[in-house]
Amino acid sequence: MASGEMDPAEFTDFLKKTLQNLADHSMDGSIHFIFMDWRHMQEVIAAGNEVITYSMPRSGCSTKPSDRNQVRKPRGRRRTHAQ
């Protein structure tokens, strides 16, 4: 490992804090495009799974097409912007 590099656990923790900050300061329905090279996708996925939980209903349970792929709100406090 070169000077200044993080091990996989440290990098995952760094990404988790970064993604949590993005979620904490986002409006409902916002979309974030996160880019990473293929060598570190495991860390991105692990960090993302700790910040955001996904809800997929069982087949046949949904009556509306928009309910098929729901994403729950991220854990943590949410800021709302004045309108």
C-alpha atoms as a PDB file:
ATOM      1  CA  MET A   1       0.000   0.000   0.000  1.00  0.00           C
ATOM      2  CA  ALA A   2       1.379   3.405  -0.928  1.00  0.00           C
ATOM      3  CA  SER A   3       1.636   6.337   1.451  1.00  0.00           C
ATOM      4  CA  GLY A   4      -1.751   7.964   2.000  1.00  0.00           C
ATOM      5  CA  GLU A   5      -3.826   5.034   0.738  1.00  0.00           C
ATOM      6  CA  MET A   6      -6.658   3.519   2.752  1.00  0.00           C
ATOM      7  CA  ASP A   7      -7.317  -0.153   3.312  1.00  0.00           C
ATOM      8  CA  PRO A   8     -10.717  -1.457   2.076  1.00  0.00           C
ATOM      9  CA  ALA A   9     -12.403  -1.049   5.492  1.00  0.00           C
ATOM     10  CA  GLU A  10     -11.229   2.558   5.844  1.00  0.00           C
ATOM     11  CA  PHE A  11     -12.292   3.358   2.280  1.00  0.00           C
ATOM     12  CA  THR A  12     -15.744   1.826   2.847  1.00  0.00           C
ATOM     13  CA  ASP A  13     -16.159   3.914   6.010  1.00  0.00           C
ATOM     14  CA  PHE A  14     -15.079   7.044   4.104  1.00  0.00           C
ATOM     15  CA  LEU A  15     -17.632   6.308   1.361  1.00  0.00           C
ATOM     16  CA  LYS A  16     -20.353   5.614   3.937  1.00  0.00           C
ATOM     17  CA  LYS A  17     -19.775   9.022   5.569  1.00  0.00           C
ATOM     18  CA  THR A  18     -19.750  10.692   2.146  1.00  0.00           C
ATOM     19  CA  LEU A  19     -22.987   9.024   1.018  1.00  0.00           C
ATOM     20  CA  GLN A  20     -24.653   9.786   4.364  1.00  0.00           C
ATOM     21  CA  ASN A  21     -23.747  13.474   3.978  1.00  0.00           C
ATOM     22  CA  LEU A  22     -25.253  13.446   0.483  1.00  0.00           C
ATOM     23  CA  ALA A  23     -28.442  11.854   1.816  1.00  0.00           C
ATOM     24  CA  ASP A  24     -28.676  14.229   4.781  1.00  0.00           C
ATOM     25  CA  HIS A  25     -28.519  17.291   2.544  1.00  0.00           C
ATOM     26  CA  SER A  26     -30.771  16.095  -0.287  1.00  0.00           C
ATOM     27  CA  MET A  27     -34.402  16.705  -1.059  1.00  0.00           C
ATOM     28  CA  ASP A  28     -36.838  13.805  -1.372  1.00  0.00           C
ATOM     29  CA  GLY A  29     -36.701  12.301  -4.844  1.00  0.00           C
ATOM     30  CA  SER A  30     -33.221  13.566  -5.610  1.00  0.00           C
ATOM     31  CA  ILE A  31     -30.892  11.357  -7.628  1.00  0.00           C
ATOM     32  CA  HIS A  32     -27.145  11.130  -7.072  1.00  0.00           C
ATOM     33  CA  PHE A  33     -24.857   9.700  -9.728  1.00  0.00           C
ATOM     34  CA  ILE A  34     -21.896   8.056  -7.989  1.00  0.00           C
ATOM     35  CA  PHE A  35     -18.962   7.080 -10.187  1.00  0.00           C
ATOM     36  CA  MET A  36     -16.169   4.684  -9.212  1.00  0.00           C
ATOM     37  CA  ASP A  37     -13.810   2.422 -11.092  1.00  0.00           C
ATOM     38  CA  TRP A  38     -14.659  -1.282 -11.163  1.00  0.00           C
ATOM     39  CA  ARG A  39     -11.936  -2.206  -8.655  1.00  0.00           C
ATOM     40  CA  HIS A  40     -13.769  -0.447  -5.823  1.00  0.00           C
ATOM     41  CA  MET A  41     -17.402  -1.260  -6.593  1.00  0.00           C
ATOM     42  CA  GLN A  42     -17.586  -3.663  -3.627  1.00  0.00           C
ATOM     43  CA  GLU A  43     -16.789  -0.775  -1.276  1.00  0.00           C
ATOM     44  CA  VAL A  44     -19.339   1.525  -2.928  1.00  0.00           C
ATOM     45  CA  ILE A  45     -22.053  -1.125  -2.739  1.00  0.00           C
ATOM     46  CA  ALA A  46     -21.241  -1.945   0.906  1.00  0.00           C
ATOM     47  CA  ALA A  47     -21.311   1.736   1.891  1.00  0.00           C
ATOM     48  CA  GLY A  48     -24.514   2.378  -0.060  1.00  0.00           C
ATOM     49  CA  ASN A  49     -26.278  -0.579   1.523  1.00  0.00           C
ATOM     50  CA  GLU A  50     -25.587   0.863   4.969  1.00  0.00           C
ATOM     51  CA  VAL A  51     -26.974   4.297   4.063  1.00  0.00           C
ATOM     52  CA  ILE A  52     -30.002   3.479   1.885  1.00  0.00           C
ATOM     53  CA  THR A  53     -32.384   0.538   2.160  1.00  0.00           C
ATOM     54  CA  TYR A  54     -34.373  -0.695  -0.807  1.00  0.00           C
ATOM     55  CA  SER A  55     -37.875  -2.135  -0.659  1.00  0.00           C
ATOM     56  CA  MET A  56     -38.973  -4.527  -3.392  1.00  0.00           C
ATOM     57  CA  PRO A  57     -42.534  -5.852  -2.994  1.00  0.00           C
ATOM     58  CA  ARG A  58     -43.234  -9.480  -3.817  1.00  0.00           C
ATOM     59  CA  SER A  59     -44.445 -10.248  -7.313  1.00  0.00           C
ATOM     60  CA  GLY A  60     -48.174  -9.723  -7.712  1.00  0.00           C
ATOM     61  CA  CYS A  61     -48.548  -7.659  -4.540  1.00  0.00           C
ATOM     62  CA  SER A  62     -48.321  -4.290  -6.234  1.00  0.00           C
ATOM     63  CA  THR A  63     -51.317  -2.758  -7.933  1.00  0.00           C
ATOM     64  CA  LYS A  64     -49.603   0.333  -9.323  1.00  0.00           C
ATOM     65  CA  PRO A  65     -46.629   0.088 -11.706  1.00  0.00           C
ATOM     66  CA  SER A  66     -44.848   2.877  -9.796  1.00  0.00           C
ATOM     67  CA  ASP A  67     -44.870   0.755  -6.607  1.00  0.00           C
ATOM     68  CA  ARG A  68     -42.730  -2.008  -8.095  1.00  0.00           C
ATOM     69  CA  ASN A  69     -39.384  -0.358  -7.343  1.00  0.00           C
ATOM     70  CA  GLN A  70     -39.644   1.722  -4.220  1.00  0.00           C
ATOM     71  CA  VAL A  71     -36.705   3.228  -2.428  1.00  0.00           C
ATOM     72  CA  ARG A  72     -37.136   4.062   1.227  1.00  0.00           C
ATOM     73  CA  LYS A  73     -35.841   7.300   2.643  1.00  0.00           C
ATOM     74  CA  PRO A  74     -32.261   7.165   3.884  1.00  0.00           C
ATOM     75  CA  ARG A  75     -31.721   6.744   7.596  1.00  0.00           C
ATOM     76  CA  GLY A  76     -30.688   9.808   9.524  1.00  0.00           C
ATOM     77  CA  ARG A  77     -31.952  13.324   9.741  1.00  0.00           C
ATOM     78  CA  ARG A  78     -33.407  14.993   6.677  1.00  0.00           C
ATOM     79  CA  ARG A  79     -33.266  18.649   5.803  1.00  0.00           C
ATOM     80  CA  THR A  80     -36.140  20.309   4.080  1.00  0.00           C
ATOM     81  CA  HIS A  81     -35.667  23.373   1.940  1.00  0.00           C
ATOM     82  CA  ALA A  82     -37.945  26.391   2.343  1.00  0.00           C
ATOM     83  CA  GLN A  83     -40.256  26.892  -0.579  1.00  0.00           C
END
